[in-house]
């Protein structure tokens, strides 16, 4: 079997290259986003890379057809001496017409349950590349008879989706843990930092109580400093505000004996590359052991998520904190993008209450939020572990 790999600036361009080289015999297996160009990690452009194989039956039929046409051409040329020029031109025209009008046989229509499955994935706002990947896998692994079992089909797809969700593991290195939260404006970074401070300070959800400090470098947004200081006063967590890399390094050194330092940052648009670079220079003072997490709202559309992930890549973020789950019933966009970009999830937030509305990321929380699927909570939690709650007792 012959395999191929082709790249293009867009999905359409990559497909056109595949079709131009291999025709309709080409079968796409996988698609992934690749990054090229850029300066010092910024301004890199995304491209699409497709891999696949040449379907033997279609390739063989096309090849046989071409061989027949070539044989016809050879016989025609061999008989030129015995025919008139007009007859030769007529047969050449017929041959050209046959080549131009030839179309390979169309594939059989999909099973109805494949269409129903695609509708379910679309309902949950999974991206087109992710849906295609799931459907191609179903075609490869399910027989026509197996496709008749709708419940088994859903169960298998839920299993695949669950395996695609990566959960970040907390580092076990000794010493002070420095947790930095970056992200675009308006995703709830400051509130998330306060929630994290609360659950670690108090020891909610089975966590041991920790000695916690908060630092903010957001001195530009109106009320930002007052907001985090208010949270600190209520929780009894000392809070500092810094503006330069030197001040940040000194403050972290001052807190070297505590268990956890949480660093809140300035909200930046992913299009503000220069300002992002300036903020990264400040955050470098946190040291190489600092964990950088990227906050991203679940309500963000998939294309914008991809842009945010790409533009914050130079920060070397450890994982993604998905916020505002309470503001959407569709999680396919989050699952699709994070799966295709291979990014793990560390925490989930679904409200404004401190410290209730936060929990460590867990696969069941994503799967049980999917619309339209036949969901077996007990089976999902048996496969992927129970939902880990850090909420106040009695809240669900």
Protein backbone atom coordinates (compact mmCIF):
# COMPACT_ATOMS: atom_id res chain seq x y z
CA UNK A 1 0.00 0.00 0.00
CA UNK A 2 1.35 3.42 -0.95
CA UNK A 3 1.24 6.20 1.70
CA UNK A 4 1.67 9.94 1.28
CA UNK A 5 2.17 13.15 3.29
CA UNK A 6 1.27 16.57 1.91
CA UNK A 7 1.26 20.06 3.45
CA UNK A 8 -0.53 23.29 2.61
CA UNK A 9 -1.16 26.70 4.10
CA UNK A 10 -4.85 25.78 4.47
CA UNK A 11 -6.89 22.60 4.54
CA UNK A 12 -8.22 23.36 1.04
CA UNK A 13 -4.73 23.89 -0.38
CA UNK A 14 -3.48 20.63 1.15
CA UNK A 15 -6.47 18.72 -0.26
CA UNK A 16 -5.92 20.24 -3.72
CA UNK A 17 -2.29 19.12 -3.67
CA UNK A 18 -3.31 15.59 -2.72
CA UNK A 19 -5.95 15.43 -5.46
CA UNK A 20 -3.57 16.87 -8.04
CA UNK A 21 -0.92 14.25 -7.28
CA UNK A 22 -2.97 11.17 -6.47
CA UNK A 23 -6.46 11.81 -7.81
CA UNK A 24 -9.61 10.29 -6.35
CA UNK A 25 -7.69 7.18 -5.31
CA UNK A 26 -6.25 9.15 -2.36
CA UNK A 27 -7.77 8.39 1.07
CA UNK A 28 -7.03 10.88 3.88
CA UNK A 29 -6.12 9.24 7.21
CA UNK A 30 -5.05 12.08 9.47
CA UNK A 31 -4.85 15.85 9.58
CA UNK A 32 -2.76 17.95 11.95
CA UNK A 33 -1.81 21.56 12.39
CA UNK A 34 1.86 22.41 11.84
CA UNK A 35 3.65 25.69 12.59
CA UNK A 36 6.21 27.25 10.29
CA UNK A 37 8.18 30.49 10.16
CA UNK A 38 8.02 33.15 12.84
CA UNK A 39 10.60 35.04 14.86
CA UNK A 40 11.61 33.91 18.36
CA UNK A 41 8.44 31.89 18.64
CA UNK A 42 6.14 34.74 17.56
CA UNK A 43 4.30 35.37 14.28
CA UNK A 44 4.56 31.69 13.35
CA UNK A 45 2.05 30.66 10.75
CA UNK A 46 -0.09 27.58 10.87
CA UNK A 47 -0.30 25.08 8.06
CA UNK A 48 -2.11 21.81 7.57
CA UNK A 49 -0.43 18.44 7.06
CA UNK A 50 -2.41 15.53 5.61
CA UNK A 51 -1.37 11.89 5.62
CA UNK A 52 -3.11 9.06 3.84
CA UNK A 53 -2.85 6.20 1.43
CA UNK A 54 -3.77 5.32 -2.15
CA UNK A 55 -6.82 3.07 -2.34
CA UNK A 56 -5.66 0.02 -4.27
CA UNK A 57 -8.94 -0.71 -6.03
CA UNK A 58 -9.45 2.83 -7.31
CA UNK A 59 -5.77 3.23 -8.16
CA UNK A 60 -5.76 -0.11 -9.99
CA UNK A 61 -8.91 0.76 -11.93
CA UNK A 62 -7.53 4.15 -12.89
CA UNK A 63 -4.20 2.58 -13.86
CA UNK A 64 -5.94 -0.09 -15.94
CA UNK A 65 -7.99 2.58 -17.63
CA UNK A 66 -4.87 4.55 -18.44
CA UNK A 67 -3.19 1.40 -19.76
CA UNK A 68 -6.18 0.75 -22.02
CA UNK A 69 -6.01 4.31 -23.30
CA UNK A 70 -2.26 4.02 -23.86
CA UNK A 71 -2.74 0.74 -25.72
CA UNK A 72 -5.42 2.34 -27.88
CA UNK A 73 -3.05 5.20 -28.59
CA UNK A 74 -0.25 2.83 -29.61
CA UNK A 75 -2.53 0.90 -31.97
CA UNK A 76 -3.73 4.15 -33.45
CA UNK A 77 -0.20 5.37 -34.13
CA UNK A 78 0.75 2.00 -35.64
CA UNK A 79 -2.06 2.21 -38.17
CA UNK A 80 -1.44 5.80 -39.26
CA UNK A 81 0.20 4.71 -42.48
CA UNK A 82 -2.91 2.79 -43.52
CA UNK A 83 -5.48 5.46 -42.75
CA UNK A 84 -6.29 8.89 -43.97
CA UNK A 85 -5.34 11.91 -41.88
CA UNK A 86 -9.02 12.71 -41.32
CA UNK A 87 -9.68 9.30 -39.81
CA UNK A 88 -6.70 9.67 -37.49
CA UNK A 89 -7.83 13.10 -36.28
CA UNK A 90 -11.33 11.77 -35.65
CA UNK A 91 -10.06 8.92 -33.50
CA UNK A 92 -7.74 11.27 -31.60
CA UNK A 93 -10.72 13.47 -30.78
CA UNK A 94 -12.70 10.46 -29.57
CA UNK A 95 -9.77 9.35 -27.45
CA UNK A 96 -9.40 12.83 -25.92
CA UNK A 97 -13.13 12.95 -25.19
CA UNK A 98 -12.97 9.57 -23.48
CA UNK A 99 -10.13 10.73 -21.24
CA UNK A 100 -11.85 14.01 -20.31
CA UNK A 101 -15.22 12.45 -19.52
CA UNK A 102 -13.93 9.47 -17.54
CA UNK A 103 -14.92 9.50 -13.88
CA UNK A 104 -14.06 6.79 -11.35
CA UNK A 105 -17.02 4.95 -9.85
CA UNK A 106 -18.61 6.71 -6.88
CA UNK A 107 -18.32 5.13 -3.46
CA UNK A 108 -21.39 3.67 -1.81
CA UNK A 109 -23.45 6.03 0.40
CA UNK A 110 -22.69 6.03 4.14
CA UNK A 111 -24.70 4.02 6.63
CA UNK A 112 -27.56 6.07 8.18
CA UNK A 113 -26.02 5.74 11.66
CA UNK A 114 -22.89 7.50 10.40
CA UNK A 115 -25.02 10.46 9.40
CA UNK A 116 -26.76 10.37 12.80
CA UNK A 117 -23.39 10.27 14.56
CA UNK A 118 -22.08 13.22 12.55
CA UNK A 119 -25.23 15.16 13.48
CA UNK A 120 -24.56 14.45 17.17
CA UNK A 121 -20.96 15.62 16.90
CA UNK A 122 -22.08 18.74 15.02
CA UNK A 123 -24.72 19.43 17.70
CA UNK A 124 -21.92 19.52 20.28
CA UNK A 125 -19.84 21.84 18.05
CA UNK A 126 -16.96 19.46 17.41
CA UNK A 127 -14.77 20.86 14.64
CA UNK A 128 -14.98 19.51 11.10
CA UNK A 129 -11.49 17.90 11.16
CA UNK A 130 -12.27 16.17 14.46
CA UNK A 131 -15.63 14.90 13.19
CA UNK A 132 -14.00 13.56 10.03
CA UNK A 133 -11.35 11.80 12.09
CA UNK A 134 -14.03 10.09 14.22
CA UNK A 135 -16.12 9.08 11.19
CA UNK A 136 -13.08 7.72 9.33
CA UNK A 137 -12.19 5.63 12.37
CA UNK A 138 -15.74 4.27 12.55
CA UNK A 139 -15.60 3.29 8.88
CA UNK A 140 -12.30 1.54 9.45
CA UNK A 141 -13.24 -0.33 12.64
CA UNK A 142 -16.98 -1.07 12.29
CA UNK A 143 -18.52 -3.56 9.89
CA UNK A 144 -21.88 -2.82 8.30
CA UNK A 145 -23.53 -5.23 10.73
CA UNK A 146 -21.80 -3.56 13.72
CA UNK A 147 -23.01 -0.14 12.55
CA UNK A 148 -26.58 -1.32 13.11
CA UNK A 149 -25.97 -1.28 16.89
CA UNK A 150 -26.48 2.42 17.66
CA UNK A 151 -25.78 2.10 21.39
CA UNK A 152 -22.47 0.28 20.84
CA UNK A 153 -21.47 2.86 18.25
CA UNK A 154 -22.11 5.73 20.67
CA UNK A 155 -20.29 3.89 23.44
CA UNK A 156 -17.20 3.40 21.28
CA UNK A 157 -17.18 7.04 20.16
CA UNK A 158 -17.50 8.27 23.76
CA UNK A 159 -14.55 6.04 24.63
CA UNK A 160 -12.46 7.56 21.81
CA UNK A 161 -13.41 11.11 22.80
CA UNK A 162 -12.55 10.39 26.43
CA UNK A 163 -9.14 9.03 25.41
CA UNK A 164 -8.52 12.21 23.43
CA UNK A 165 -8.90 14.38 26.54
CA UNK A 166 -5.57 14.82 28.31
CA UNK A 167 -5.55 15.68 32.02
CA UNK A 168 -2.51 17.54 33.39
CA UNK A 169 -0.69 16.03 36.35
CA UNK A 170 0.56 18.29 39.14
CA UNK A 171 4.36 18.26 39.45
CA UNK A 172 5.77 16.45 42.46
CA UNK A 173 9.00 18.44 42.74
CA UNK A 174 9.88 19.62 46.26
CA UNK A 175 10.06 23.26 47.26
CA UNK A 176 7.91 26.27 46.55
CA UNK A 177 5.47 25.79 43.68
CA UNK A 178 5.04 28.83 41.41
CA UNK A 179 1.79 28.79 39.43
CA UNK A 180 1.46 31.46 36.69
CA UNK A 181 -1.87 32.06 34.92
CA UNK A 182 -1.80 33.80 31.51
CA UNK A 183 -4.52 34.34 28.94
CA UNK A 184 -6.57 36.85 26.95
CA UNK A 185 -8.67 39.57 28.50
CA UNK A 186 -11.99 38.66 30.10
CA UNK A 187 -11.54 34.92 30.70
CA UNK A 188 -11.59 35.20 34.51
CA UNK A 189 -7.91 34.91 35.41
CA UNK A 190 -8.06 36.96 38.63
CA UNK A 191 -11.12 35.11 39.94
CA UNK A 192 -9.48 31.78 39.05
CA UNK A 193 -6.33 32.76 40.96
CA UNK A 194 -8.50 33.61 43.99
CA UNK A 195 -10.29 30.26 43.75
CA UNK A 196 -6.98 28.40 43.60
CA UNK A 197 -5.69 30.36 46.57
CA UNK A 198 -8.81 29.46 48.56
CA UNK A 199 -8.86 25.73 47.86
CA UNK A 200 -5.15 25.38 48.65
CA UNK A 201 -5.25 27.68 51.68
CA UNK A 202 -8.24 25.91 53.23
CA UNK A 203 -7.53 22.43 51.86
CA UNK A 204 -10.77 21.72 49.96
CA UNK A 205 -11.43 18.53 48.01
CA UNK A 206 -8.92 16.38 49.86
CA UNK A 207 -6.08 18.85 49.37
CA UNK A 208 -3.88 19.51 52.41
CA UNK A 209 -3.89 23.13 53.68
CA UNK A 210 -0.99 25.12 52.20
CA UNK A 211 0.85 28.34 52.92
CA UNK A 212 -0.18 30.47 49.93
CA UNK A 213 0.80 33.88 48.48
CA UNK A 214 -0.64 35.84 45.56
CA UNK A 215 1.22 38.17 43.21
CA UNK A 216 -0.31 40.31 40.48
CA UNK A 217 1.49 42.09 37.66
CA UNK A 218 -1.81 43.59 36.46
CA UNK A 219 -1.40 47.19 37.58
CA UNK A 220 -2.98 48.65 34.41
CA UNK A 221 -6.57 47.43 34.52
CA UNK A 222 -8.76 49.68 36.63
CA UNK A 223 -9.55 48.01 39.94
CA UNK A 224 -7.42 44.93 39.24
CA UNK A 225 -5.07 45.46 42.19
CA UNK A 226 -7.94 46.25 44.55
CA UNK A 227 -9.87 43.17 43.39
CA UNK A 228 -7.12 40.67 44.15
CA UNK A 229 -6.16 42.45 47.38
CA UNK A 230 -9.77 42.20 48.52
CA UNK A 231 -9.75 38.46 47.85
CA UNK A 232 -6.46 38.20 49.75
CA UNK A 233 -7.81 40.09 52.77
CA UNK A 234 -10.93 37.91 52.94
CA UNK A 235 -8.96 34.66 52.71
CA UNK A 236 -6.01 35.79 54.81
CA UNK A 237 -3.61 35.34 51.88
CA UNK A 238 -0.82 37.96 51.61
CA UNK A 239 -0.88 39.68 48.22
CA UNK A 240 1.76 41.70 46.35
CA UNK A 241 1.64 43.89 43.25
CA UNK A 242 4.73 44.19 41.02
CA UNK A 243 5.44 45.99 37.76
CA UNK A 244 8.91 44.85 36.65
CA UNK A 245 10.83 41.63 36.27
CA UNK A 246 13.23 42.77 39.01
CA UNK A 247 10.37 43.37 41.45
CA UNK A 248 8.84 39.99 40.58
CA UNK A 249 12.11 38.14 41.18
CA UNK A 250 12.58 39.88 44.54
CA UNK A 251 9.03 39.11 45.65
CA UNK A 252 9.31 35.44 44.72
CA UNK A 253 12.61 35.25 46.60
CA UNK A 254 10.89 36.82 49.61
CA UNK A 255 8.25 34.06 49.50
CA UNK A 256 10.76 31.24 49.03
CA UNK A 257 9.64 29.42 52.20
CA UNK A 258 5.92 29.17 51.34
CA UNK A 259 4.20 26.20 49.66
CA UNK A 260 2.47 27.93 46.74
CA UNK A 261 2.84 31.25 44.91
CA UNK A 262 0.03 32.18 42.50
CA UNK A 263 0.84 34.81 39.86
CA UNK A 264 -1.97 36.75 38.16
CA UNK A 265 -1.12 38.46 34.87
CA UNK A 266 -2.31 41.17 32.53
CA UNK A 267 -5.02 40.17 30.07
CA UNK A 268 -3.72 40.51 26.53
CA UNK A 269 -5.27 40.04 23.13
CA UNK A 270 -3.49 37.27 21.21
CA UNK A 271 -3.00 39.82 18.41
CA UNK A 272 -0.84 42.06 20.62
CA UNK A 273 2.40 40.21 19.90
CA UNK A 274 4.73 42.96 21.13
CA UNK A 275 2.89 43.37 24.45
CA UNK A 276 2.82 39.60 24.88
CA UNK A 277 6.59 39.53 24.41
CA UNK A 278 7.00 42.28 27.02
CA UNK A 279 4.89 40.35 29.51
CA UNK A 280 6.89 37.18 28.86
CA UNK A 281 10.10 39.04 29.71
CA UNK A 282 8.61 39.96 33.09
CA UNK A 283 7.36 36.42 33.76
CA UNK A 284 10.77 34.94 32.97
CA UNK A 285 11.73 36.23 36.43
CA UNK A 286 9.57 33.45 37.91
CA UNK A 287 12.32 31.01 37.03
CA UNK A 288 12.46 27.81 34.97
CA UNK A 289 10.52 25.75 37.52
CA UNK A 290 7.42 27.94 37.30
CA UNK A 291 4.28 26.30 35.92
CA UNK A 292 2.54 28.45 33.33
CA UNK A 293 -1.14 27.69 32.72
CA UNK A 294 -3.26 29.26 29.98
CA UNK A 295 -6.81 30.37 30.88
CA UNK A 296 -9.31 30.02 28.04
CA UNK A 297 -13.10 30.40 28.11
CA UNK A 298 -15.25 27.47 27.00
CA UNK A 299 -17.46 29.97 25.15
CA UNK A 300 -14.65 30.84 22.72
CA UNK A 301 -15.24 29.62 19.17
CA UNK A 302 -12.86 26.96 17.89
CA UNK A 303 -10.96 29.15 15.41
CA UNK A 304 -10.27 31.75 18.11
CA UNK A 305 -9.15 29.01 20.52
CA UNK A 306 -6.61 27.83 17.98
CA UNK A 307 -5.30 31.38 17.60
CA UNK A 308 -5.04 31.87 21.39
CA UNK A 309 -3.18 28.57 21.83
CA UNK A 310 -0.78 29.49 19.04
CA UNK A 311 -0.02 33.05 20.15
CA UNK A 312 0.58 32.08 23.81
CA UNK A 313 2.83 29.16 22.80
CA UNK A 314 6.06 31.14 23.53
CA UNK A 315 5.07 31.20 27.23
CA UNK A 316 5.58 27.43 27.31
CA UNK A 317 2.33 26.87 29.17
CA UNK A 318 2.09 23.60 31.09
CA UNK A 319 -1.66 23.12 30.67
CA UNK A 320 -4.98 24.88 29.98
CA UNK A 321 -7.51 26.11 32.55
CA UNK A 322 -10.96 26.02 30.92
CA UNK A 323 -13.21 28.73 32.37
CA UNK A 324 -16.89 29.71 32.06
CA UNK A 325 -18.26 26.20 31.57
CA UNK A 326 -21.50 27.48 33.11
CA UNK A 327 -22.04 29.77 30.12
CA UNK A 328 -22.27 27.06 27.44
CA UNK A 329 -23.84 23.64 26.86
CA UNK A 330 -21.44 22.76 24.04
CA UNK A 331 -17.97 21.41 24.81
CA UNK A 332 -17.04 19.87 21.45
CA UNK A 333 -15.07 22.96 20.45
CA UNK A 334 -12.88 22.69 23.55
CA UNK A 335 -12.34 18.94 23.20
CA UNK A 336 -11.59 19.18 19.47
CA UNK A 337 -9.05 21.97 19.66
CA UNK A 338 -7.21 20.74 22.74
CA UNK A 339 -7.07 17.21 21.34
CA UNK A 340 -5.73 18.31 17.98
CA UNK A 341 -3.18 20.61 19.64
CA UNK A 342 -2.34 17.91 22.25
CA UNK A 343 -2.84 20.26 25.22
CA UNK A 344 -3.75 18.90 28.67
CA UNK A 345 -6.34 20.48 30.97
CA UNK A 346 -5.53 21.30 34.59
CA UNK A 347 -8.65 22.99 36.05
CA UNK A 348 -12.27 23.74 35.12
CA UNK A 349 -14.31 26.69 36.39
CA UNK A 350 -18.06 27.18 36.07
CA UNK A 351 -19.10 30.28 37.97
CA UNK A 352 -17.97 33.33 39.92
CA UNK A 353 -18.18 31.99 43.47
CA UNK A 354 -14.93 31.68 45.42
CA UNK A 355 -13.95 28.97 46.22
CA UNK A 356 -16.87 26.80 45.08
CA UNK A 357 -16.82 27.09 41.31
CA UNK A 358 -13.58 25.32 40.45
CA UNK A 359 -12.47 21.71 40.18
CA UNK A 360 -9.44 19.78 38.94
CA UNK A 361 -10.00 18.72 35.35
CA UNK A 362 -11.53 15.25 34.87
CA UNK A 363 -12.60 13.39 31.73
CA UNK A 364 -16.12 12.55 33.02
CA UNK A 365 -16.87 16.27 33.45
CA UNK A 366 -16.43 16.71 29.69
CA UNK A 367 -18.21 13.53 28.58
CA UNK A 368 -21.21 13.98 30.88
CA UNK A 369 -21.68 17.47 29.45
CA UNK A 370 -22.19 16.23 25.89
CA UNK A 371 -25.64 16.76 24.38
CA UNK A 372 -27.68 14.01 22.71
CA UNK A 373 -25.46 11.04 23.58
CA UNK A 374 -26.76 8.12 25.63
CA UNK A 375 -24.60 8.65 28.73
CA UNK A 376 -24.00 6.00 31.38
CA UNK A 377 -22.47 7.94 34.30
CA UNK A 378 -21.44 4.82 36.21
CA UNK A 379 -19.71 3.31 33.20
CA UNK A 380 -17.97 6.57 32.26
CA UNK A 381 -16.66 7.09 35.78
CA UNK A 382 -15.55 3.46 35.93
CA UNK A 383 -13.50 3.95 32.76
CA UNK A 384 -12.12 7.41 33.38
CA UNK A 385 -12.31 7.86 37.15
CA UNK A 386 -14.91 9.72 39.23
CA UNK A 387 -15.44 13.44 38.84
CA UNK A 388 -13.15 15.11 41.34
CA UNK A 389 -15.05 17.79 43.21
CA UNK A 390 -13.53 20.79 45.02
CA UNK A 391 -16.92 22.42 45.51
CA UNK A 392 -18.47 23.43 48.78
CA UNK A 393 -20.39 20.59 50.38
CA UNK A 394 -23.95 20.20 49.16
CA UNK A 395 -23.47 22.09 45.86
CA UNK A 396 -23.92 20.11 42.59
